[in-house]
Amino acid sequence: MTKELTEFFKKLEKENKYDYFLLRKLYINPESVFNDKDEDIDKENYYDKNTIYSYMFNNNFLTFLDLAYDDDGFLNKLNYNMLKSIYEFLNEVDRIVLINTDNTFTHTEIFEFIKSRIVDKKLYKMDNVREKMKKYNLDVSYNLLITTEQYMDFYSDQINRR
């Protein structure tokens, strides 16, 4: 594990134990959240809908992913399908946040949109969801989308060379 990721986990363990355990689990076993099988991806079933809401609008997740993309131990656990799943998740969260920042939508319309995109009822019962959306770092998320897409291209090239 890189020094930066180790320091991030130490800090997170002190500040937010819930996110610490959530992200450590993701580091150790990314397929526990993001699907890695062709048949799931073909059905557009990208992630575990029972756990994904914990990662939504979570800036600690963004920081983790930004650091983990520089960590060979984490990258070696990923495959093309997991990267596709991460990409789709980030893209979906960004869309939800962007709609939330559009002041022409009512609170009800926003949640109806969220429910139509993510069917997990836990999400729209989430505490302070609008506040979390306002604080969500779209710039970091956008950069992670680009990085994820680059890794997907790399994996795709590796597969095509075989």
C-alpha atoms as a PDB file:
ATOM      1  CA  MET A   1       0.000   0.000   0.000  1.00  0.00           C
ATOM      2  CA  THR A   2       1.347   3.439  -0.877  1.00  0.00           C
ATOM      3  CA  LYS A   3       2.422   5.812   1.868  1.00  0.00           C
ATOM      4  CA  GLU A   4      -0.296   8.294   0.873  1.00  0.00           C
ATOM      5  CA  LEU A   5      -3.028   5.671   1.084  1.00  0.00           C
ATOM      6  CA  THR A   6      -1.704   4.433   4.435  1.00  0.00           C
ATOM      7  CA  GLU A   7      -1.775   7.997   5.795  1.00  0.00           C
ATOM      8  CA  PHE A   8      -5.277   8.507   4.424  1.00  0.00           C
ATOM      9  CA  PHE A   9      -6.510   5.390   6.230  1.00  0.00           C
ATOM     10  CA  LYS A  10      -4.827   6.422   9.504  1.00  0.00           C
ATOM     11  CA  LYS A  11      -6.469   9.831   9.363  1.00  0.00           C
ATOM     12  CA  LEU A  12      -9.831   8.399   8.356  1.00  0.00           C
ATOM     13  CA  GLU A  13      -9.745   5.848  11.185  1.00  0.00           C
ATOM     14  CA  LYS A  14      -9.537   8.721  13.675  1.00  0.00           C
ATOM     15  CA  GLU A  15     -12.057  11.010  11.983  1.00  0.00           C
ATOM     16  CA  ASN A  16     -14.696   8.689  10.533  1.00  0.00           C
ATOM     17  CA  LYS A  17     -14.622   5.038  11.564  1.00  0.00           C
ATOM     18  CA  TYR A  18     -17.615   4.161   9.388  1.00  0.00           C
ATOM     19  CA  ASP A  19     -15.929   5.391   6.198  1.00  0.00           C
ATOM     20  CA  TYR A  20     -12.663   3.846   7.340  1.00  0.00           C
ATOM     21  CA  PHE A  21     -14.187   0.352   7.486  1.00  0.00           C
ATOM     22  CA  LEU A  22     -16.220   0.962   4.334  1.00  0.00           C
ATOM     23  CA  LEU A  23     -13.176   1.962   2.306  1.00  0.00           C
ATOM     24  CA  ARG A  24     -10.831  -0.625   3.821  1.00  0.00           C
ATOM     25  CA  LYS A  25     -13.334  -3.269   2.768  1.00  0.00           C
ATOM     26  CA  LEU A  26     -13.352  -1.797  -0.727  1.00  0.00           C
ATOM     27  CA  TYR A  27      -9.550  -1.779  -0.821  1.00  0.00           C
ATOM     28  CA  ILE A  28      -9.326  -5.396   0.295  1.00  0.00           C
ATOM     29  CA  ASN A  29     -12.200  -6.726  -1.801  1.00  0.00           C
ATOM     30  CA  PRO A  30     -13.413  -4.340  -4.566  1.00  0.00           C
ATOM     31  CA  GLU A  31     -15.634  -7.022  -6.105  1.00  0.00           C
ATOM     32  CA  SER A  32     -17.729  -6.953  -2.938  1.00  0.00           C
ATOM     33  CA  VAL A  33     -19.116  -3.639  -4.214  1.00  0.00           C
ATOM     34  CA  PHE A  34     -18.359  -3.399  -7.938  1.00  0.00           C
ATOM     35  CA  ASN A  35     -19.340  -6.267 -10.201  1.00  0.00           C
ATOM     36  CA  ASP A  36     -16.602  -8.001 -12.134  1.00  0.00           C
ATOM     37  CA  LYS A  37     -18.518 -10.535 -14.244  1.00  0.00           C
ATOM     38  CA  ASP A  38     -19.427 -10.136 -17.918  1.00  0.00           C
ATOM     39  CA  GLU A  39     -23.009 -11.290 -17.406  1.00  0.00           C
ATOM     40  CA  ASP A  40     -23.620  -8.610 -14.750  1.00  0.00           C
ATOM     41  CA  ILE A  41     -22.123  -5.851 -16.889  1.00  0.00           C
ATOM     42  CA  ASP A  42     -24.105  -7.020 -19.920  1.00  0.00           C
ATOM     43  CA  LYS A  43     -27.273  -6.589 -17.835  1.00  0.00           C
ATOM     44  CA  GLU A  44     -26.047  -3.149 -16.661  1.00  0.00           C
ATOM     45  CA  ASN A  45     -25.872  -4.481 -13.126  1.00  0.00           C
ATOM     46  CA  TYR A  46     -22.716  -2.623 -12.126  1.00  0.00           C
ATOM     47  CA  TYR A  47     -22.663  -2.738  -8.348  1.00  0.00           C
ATOM     48  CA  ASP A  48     -24.182  -4.215  -5.233  1.00  0.00           C
ATOM     49  CA  LYS A  49     -27.323  -2.162  -4.772  1.00  0.00           C
ATOM     50  CA  ASN A  50     -27.484  -3.020  -1.073  1.00  0.00           C
ATOM     51  CA  THR A  51     -24.180  -1.331  -0.272  1.00  0.00           C
ATOM     52  CA  ILE A  52     -23.614   1.265  -2.986  1.00  0.00           C
ATOM     53  CA  TYR A  53     -25.568   4.048  -1.292  1.00  0.00           C
ATOM     54  CA  SER A  54     -22.815   4.305   1.331  1.00  0.00           C
ATOM     55  CA  TYR A  55     -20.396   5.418  -1.371  1.00  0.00           C
ATOM     56  CA  MET A  56     -22.724   7.971  -2.951  1.00  0.00           C
ATOM     57  CA  PHE A  57     -21.929  11.644  -2.407  1.00  0.00           C
ATOM     58  CA  ASN A  58     -19.003  10.495  -0.268  1.00  0.00           C
ATOM     59  CA  ASN A  59     -15.921  12.657  -0.718  1.00  0.00           C
ATOM     60  CA  ASN A  60     -13.874  10.167   1.292  1.00  0.00           C
ATOM     61  CA  PHE A  61     -14.652   7.616  -1.410  1.00  0.00           C
ATOM     62  CA  LEU A  62     -13.383  10.056  -4.037  1.00  0.00           C
ATOM     63  CA  THR A  63     -10.184  10.684  -2.083  1.00  0.00           C
ATOM     64  CA  PHE A  64      -9.712   6.968  -1.567  1.00  0.00           C
ATOM     65  CA  LEU A  65     -10.185   6.202  -5.259  1.00  0.00           C
ATOM     66  CA  ASP A  66      -7.833   9.002  -6.271  1.00  0.00           C
ATOM     67  CA  LEU A  67      -5.129   7.558  -4.009  1.00  0.00           C
ATOM     68  CA  ALA A  68      -5.940   3.907  -4.772  1.00  0.00           C
ATOM     69  CA  TYR A  69      -5.459   4.496  -8.497  1.00  0.00           C
ATOM     70  CA  ASP A  70      -1.774   5.036  -7.676  1.00  0.00           C
ATOM     71  CA  ASP A  71      -1.584   1.844  -5.626  1.00  0.00           C
ATOM     72  CA  ASP A  72      -0.502  -1.300  -7.474  1.00  0.00           C
ATOM     73  CA  GLY A  73      -2.002  -3.499  -4.750  1.00  0.00           C
ATOM     74  CA  PHE A  74      -5.450  -2.077  -5.449  1.00  0.00           C
ATOM     75  CA  LEU A  75      -5.066  -1.856  -9.216  1.00  0.00           C
ATOM     76  CA  ASN A  76      -4.061  -5.512  -9.391  1.00  0.00           C
ATOM     77  CA  LYS A  77      -7.441  -6.437  -7.884  1.00  0.00           C
ATOM     78  CA  LEU A  78      -9.378  -4.649 -10.622  1.00  0.00           C
ATOM     79  CA  ASN A  79     -10.418  -5.879 -14.024  1.00  0.00           C
ATOM     80  CA  TYR A  80     -12.092  -4.171 -16.951  1.00  0.00           C
ATOM     81  CA  ASN A  81     -15.600  -4.918 -15.662  1.00  0.00           C
ATOM     82  CA  MET A  82     -14.916  -3.449 -12.225  1.00  0.00           C
ATOM     83  CA  LEU A  83     -13.491  -0.328 -13.845  1.00  0.00           C
ATOM     84  CA  LYS A  84     -16.603  -0.112 -16.019  1.00  0.00           C
ATOM     85  CA  SER A  85     -18.714  -0.468 -12.868  1.00  0.00           C
ATOM     86  CA  ILE A  86     -16.786   2.294 -11.095  1.00  0.00           C
ATOM     87  CA  TYR A  87     -17.105   4.499 -14.162  1.00  0.00           C
ATOM     88  CA  GLU A  88     -20.863   3.981 -14.392  1.00  0.00           C
ATOM     89  CA  PHE A  89     -21.264   4.633 -10.672  1.00  0.00           C
ATOM     90  CA  LEU A  90     -19.276   7.894 -10.763  1.00  0.00           C
ATOM     91  CA  ASN A  91     -21.157   9.007 -13.844  1.00  0.00           C
ATOM     92  CA  GLU A  92     -24.531   8.286 -12.247  1.00  0.00           C
ATOM     93  CA  VAL A  93     -23.658  10.121  -9.022  1.00  0.00           C
ATOM     94  CA  ASP A  94     -22.444  13.112 -11.018  1.00  0.00           C
ATOM     95  CA  ARG A  95     -25.736  13.242 -12.903  1.00  0.00           C
ATOM     96  CA  ILE A  96     -27.698  13.158  -9.677  1.00  0.00           C
ATOM     97  CA  VAL A  97     -25.581  15.930  -8.154  1.00  0.00           C
ATOM     98  CA  LEU A  98     -25.831  18.083 -11.269  1.00  0.00           C
ATOM     99  CA  ILE A  99     -29.599  17.783 -11.267  1.00  0.00           C
ATOM    100  CA  ASN A 100     -29.606  18.717  -7.598  1.00  0.00           C
ATOM    101  CA  THR A 101     -27.625  21.870  -8.319  1.00  0.00           C
ATOM    102  CA  ASP A 102     -30.150  22.906 -10.951  1.00  0.00           C
ATOM    103  CA  ASN A 103     -32.453  25.137  -8.917  1.00  0.00           C
ATOM    104  CA  THR A 104     -35.416  24.562 -11.212  1.00  0.00           C
ATOM    105  CA  PHE A 105     -36.100  21.119  -9.727  1.00  0.00           C
ATOM    106  CA  THR A 106     -38.134  20.636  -6.587  1.00  0.00           C
ATOM    107  CA  HIS A 107     -37.032  18.415  -3.734  1.00  0.00           C
ATOM    108  CA  THR A 108     -39.591  15.794  -4.768  1.00  0.00           C
ATOM    109  CA  GLU A 109     -38.456  15.844  -8.408  1.00  0.00           C
ATOM    110  CA  ILE A 110     -34.868  15.309  -7.355  1.00  0.00           C
ATOM    111  CA  PHE A 111     -35.730  12.302  -5.236  1.00  0.00           C
ATOM    112  CA  GLU A 112     -37.974  10.869  -7.934  1.00  0.00           C
ATOM    113  CA  PHE A 113     -35.022  11.102 -10.299  1.00  0.00           C
ATOM    114  CA  ILE A 114     -32.753   9.411  -7.772  1.00  0.00           C
ATOM    115  CA  LYS A 115     -35.292   6.636  -7.226  1.00  0.00           C
ATOM    116  CA  SER A 116     -35.553   6.092 -10.971  1.00  0.00           C
ATOM    117  CA  ARG A 117     -31.778   5.737 -11.237  1.00  0.00           C
ATOM    118  CA  ILE A 118     -30.889   3.885  -8.067  1.00  0.00           C
ATOM    119  CA  VAL A 119     -33.652   1.654  -6.784  1.00  0.00           C
ATOM    120  CA  ASP A 120     -32.156   1.221  -3.327  1.00  0.00           C
ATOM    121  CA  LYS A 121     -34.632   2.750  -0.882  1.00  0.00           C
ATOM    122  CA  LYS A 122     -31.837   3.426   1.592  1.00  0.00           C
ATOM    123  CA  LEU A 123     -30.509   6.164  -0.666  1.00  0.00           C
ATOM    124  CA  TYR A 124     -33.501   8.423  -0.567  1.00  0.00           C
ATOM    125  CA  LYS A 125     -33.878   7.866   3.161  1.00  0.00           C
ATOM    126  CA  MET A 126     -30.259   8.933   3.635  1.00  0.00           C
ATOM    127  CA  ASP A 127     -29.743  11.628   6.248  1.00  0.00           C
ATOM    128  CA  ASN A 128     -28.807  15.047   4.903  1.00  0.00           C
ATOM    129  CA  VAL A 129     -28.697  13.833   1.315  1.00  0.00           C
ATOM    130  CA  ARG A 130     -29.060  17.338  -0.139  1.00  0.00           C
ATOM    131  CA  GLU A 131     -26.243  18.624   2.050  1.00  0.00           C
ATOM    132  CA  LYS A 132     -24.048  15.725   0.996  1.00  0.00           C
ATOM    133  CA  MET A 133     -24.791  16.486  -2.637  1.00  0.00           C
ATOM    134  CA  LYS A 134     -23.882  20.138  -2.178  1.00  0.00           C
ATOM    135  CA  LYS A 135     -20.540  19.190  -0.634  1.00  0.00           C
ATOM    136  CA  TYR A 136     -19.777  16.467  -3.172  1.00  0.00           C
ATOM    137  CA  ASN A 137     -16.622  17.337  -5.095  1.00  0.00           C
ATOM    138  CA  LEU A 138     -17.635  17.185  -8.747  1.00  0.00           C
ATOM    139  CA  ASP A 139     -14.171  18.284  -9.919  1.00  0.00           C
ATOM    140  CA  VAL A 140     -12.482  15.309  -8.271  1.00  0.00           C
ATOM    141  CA  SER A 141     -15.236  13.001  -9.497  1.00  0.00           C
ATOM    142  CA  TYR A 142     -14.829  14.271 -13.050  1.00  0.00           C
ATOM    143  CA  ASN A 143     -11.057  13.712 -12.913  1.00  0.00           C
ATOM    144  CA  LEU A 144     -11.676  10.195 -11.592  1.00  0.00           C
ATOM    145  CA  LEU A 145     -14.046   9.520 -14.487  1.00  0.00           C
ATOM    146  CA  ILE A 146     -11.257  10.439 -16.897  1.00  0.00           C
ATOM    147  CA  THR A 147      -8.704   8.319 -15.025  1.00  0.00           C
ATOM    148  CA  THR A 148     -11.095   5.365 -14.848  1.00  0.00           C
ATOM    149  CA  GLU A 149     -11.741   5.633 -18.567  1.00  0.00           C
ATOM    150  CA  GLN A 150      -7.985   5.641 -19.227  1.00  0.00           C
ATOM    151  CA  TYR A 151      -7.557   2.487 -17.148  1.00  0.00           C
ATOM    152  CA  MET A 152     -10.473   0.899 -19.002  1.00  0.00           C
ATOM    153  CA  ASP A 153      -8.751   1.700 -22.305  1.00  0.00           C
ATOM    154  CA  PHE A 154      -5.513   0.179 -20.991  1.00  0.00           C
ATOM    155  CA  TYR A 155      -7.277  -3.022 -19.891  1.00  0.00           C
ATOM    156  CA  SER A 156      -9.160  -3.172 -23.179  1.00  0.00           C
ATOM    157  CA  ASP A 157      -5.886  -2.846 -25.106  1.00  0.00           C
ATOM    158  CA  GLN A 158      -4.340  -5.632 -23.011  1.00  0.00           C
ATOM    159  CA  ILE A 159      -7.300  -7.910 -23.720  1.00  0.00           C
ATOM    160  CA  ASN A 160      -7.196  -7.169 -27.456  1.00  0.00           C
ATOM    161  CA  ARG A 161      -3.474  -7.976 -27.651  1.00  0.00           C
ATOM    162  CA  ARG A 162      -4.039 -11.537 -26.434  1.00  0.00           C
END
